[in-house]
Amino acid sequence: MKTELVTTLKRQAPKILQELREEKEPVLITEHGKPSAYLVDVDHFEHLQKRLKLLEGLARGEKAILEDRVLSHEDAEKRMARWLK
């Protein structure tokens, strides 16, 4: 992963953004020697957002199972009948 100083980002933003688009590699931005932010290209960010939504849905499903908040297939069909017609 590439690392850039925040001052370099300020001075060379167009160049850094162009490299980001071409290389598709996240860029770690540091301030005073400490990590401050990551720059990622739009496609990668959107992909991460989709994965996060999927993982959150799986976590909710697992929690529902642990809390015994589940339905049989038959009961689910009955509840969904008005939308399935």
Protein backbone atom coordinates (compact mmCIF):
# COMPACT_ATOMS: atom_id res chain seq x y z
CA MET A 1 0.00 0.00 0.00
CA LYS A 2 1.20 3.44 -0.88
CA THR A 3 1.66 6.05 1.87
CA GLU A 4 1.63 9.82 1.38
CA LEU A 5 1.99 12.78 3.71
CA VAL A 6 -1.01 15.07 4.00
CA THR A 7 1.18 17.92 2.77
CA THR A 8 2.03 15.90 -0.36
CA LEU A 9 -1.68 15.31 -0.90
CA LYS A 10 -2.33 19.05 -0.62
CA ARG A 11 0.37 19.86 -3.19
CA GLN A 12 -0.09 16.94 -5.57
CA ALA A 13 -3.75 15.90 -5.25
CA PRO A 14 -4.39 15.59 -9.01
CA LYS A 15 -1.31 13.38 -9.48
CA ILE A 16 -2.14 11.18 -6.47
CA LEU A 17 -5.76 10.81 -7.61
CA GLN A 18 -4.65 9.88 -11.13
CA GLU A 19 -2.32 7.19 -9.75
CA LEU A 20 -5.15 5.94 -7.53
CA ARG A 21 -7.45 5.57 -10.54
CA GLU A 22 -4.77 3.79 -12.56
CA GLU A 23 -3.30 1.50 -9.89
CA LYS A 24 -6.49 0.85 -7.87
CA GLU A 25 -4.31 0.66 -4.76
CA PRO A 26 -5.47 2.45 -1.58
CA VAL A 27 -3.31 5.32 -0.36
CA LEU A 28 -2.68 5.84 3.35
CA ILE A 29 -2.52 9.53 4.27
CA THR A 30 -0.43 10.41 7.31
CA GLU A 31 -0.31 13.52 9.47
CA HIS A 32 2.58 14.09 11.87
CA GLY A 33 3.75 10.54 11.20
CA LYS A 34 0.43 8.94 12.17
CA PRO A 35 -2.24 7.36 9.94
CA SER A 36 -5.02 9.84 9.25
CA ALA A 37 -7.12 8.56 6.33
CA TYR A 38 -7.26 6.18 3.40
CA LEU A 39 -7.95 7.19 -0.17
CA VAL A 40 -9.65 4.50 -2.24
CA ASP A 41 -11.07 4.63 -5.74
CA VAL A 42 -14.86 4.87 -6.11
CA ASP A 43 -15.36 1.32 -7.43
CA HIS A 44 -13.42 -0.18 -4.52
CA PHE A 45 -15.33 1.92 -1.98
CA GLU A 46 -18.71 0.90 -3.44
CA HIS A 47 -17.63 -2.75 -3.45
CA LEU A 48 -16.67 -2.47 0.23
CA GLN A 49 -20.04 -0.87 1.05
CA LYS A 50 -21.90 -3.78 -0.62
CA ARG A 51 -19.82 -6.33 1.27
CA LEU A 52 -20.45 -4.51 4.53
CA LYS A 53 -24.22 -4.55 3.93
CA LEU A 54 -24.09 -8.28 3.21
CA LEU A 55 -22.07 -8.97 6.36
CA GLU A 56 -24.47 -6.87 8.45
CA GLY A 57 -27.40 -8.87 7.07
CA LEU A 58 -25.66 -12.13 7.91
CA ALA A 59 -24.97 -10.90 11.43
CA ARG A 60 -28.65 -9.97 11.89
CA GLY A 61 -29.64 -13.42 10.67
CA GLU A 62 -27.25 -15.15 13.04
CA LYS A 63 -28.54 -13.04 15.92
CA ALA A 64 -32.14 -13.95 15.03
CA ILE A 65 -31.23 -17.64 15.06
CA LEU A 66 -29.53 -17.32 18.44
CA GLU A 67 -32.58 -15.50 19.82
CA ASP A 68 -34.88 -18.15 18.30
CA ARG A 69 -36.63 -15.55 16.12
CA VAL A 70 -37.05 -17.83 13.13
CA LEU A 71 -40.00 -19.18 11.16
CA SER A 72 -40.59 -22.45 9.39
CA HIS A 73 -40.88 -22.27 5.62
CA GLU A 74 -44.62 -22.92 5.92
CA ASP A 75 -45.15 -20.12 8.45
CA ALA A 76 -43.09 -17.72 6.36
CA GLU A 77 -45.20 -18.53 3.28
CA LYS A 78 -48.38 -17.82 5.26
CA ARG A 79 -47.05 -14.45 6.41
CA MET A 80 -45.86 -13.55 2.92
CA ALA A 81 -48.98 -14.82 1.12
CA ARG A 82 -50.39 -11.36 0.46
CA TRP A 83 -47.18 -10.31 -1.33
CA LEU A 84 -46.69 -13.57 -3.20
CA LYS A 85 -50.03 -13.51 -5.03
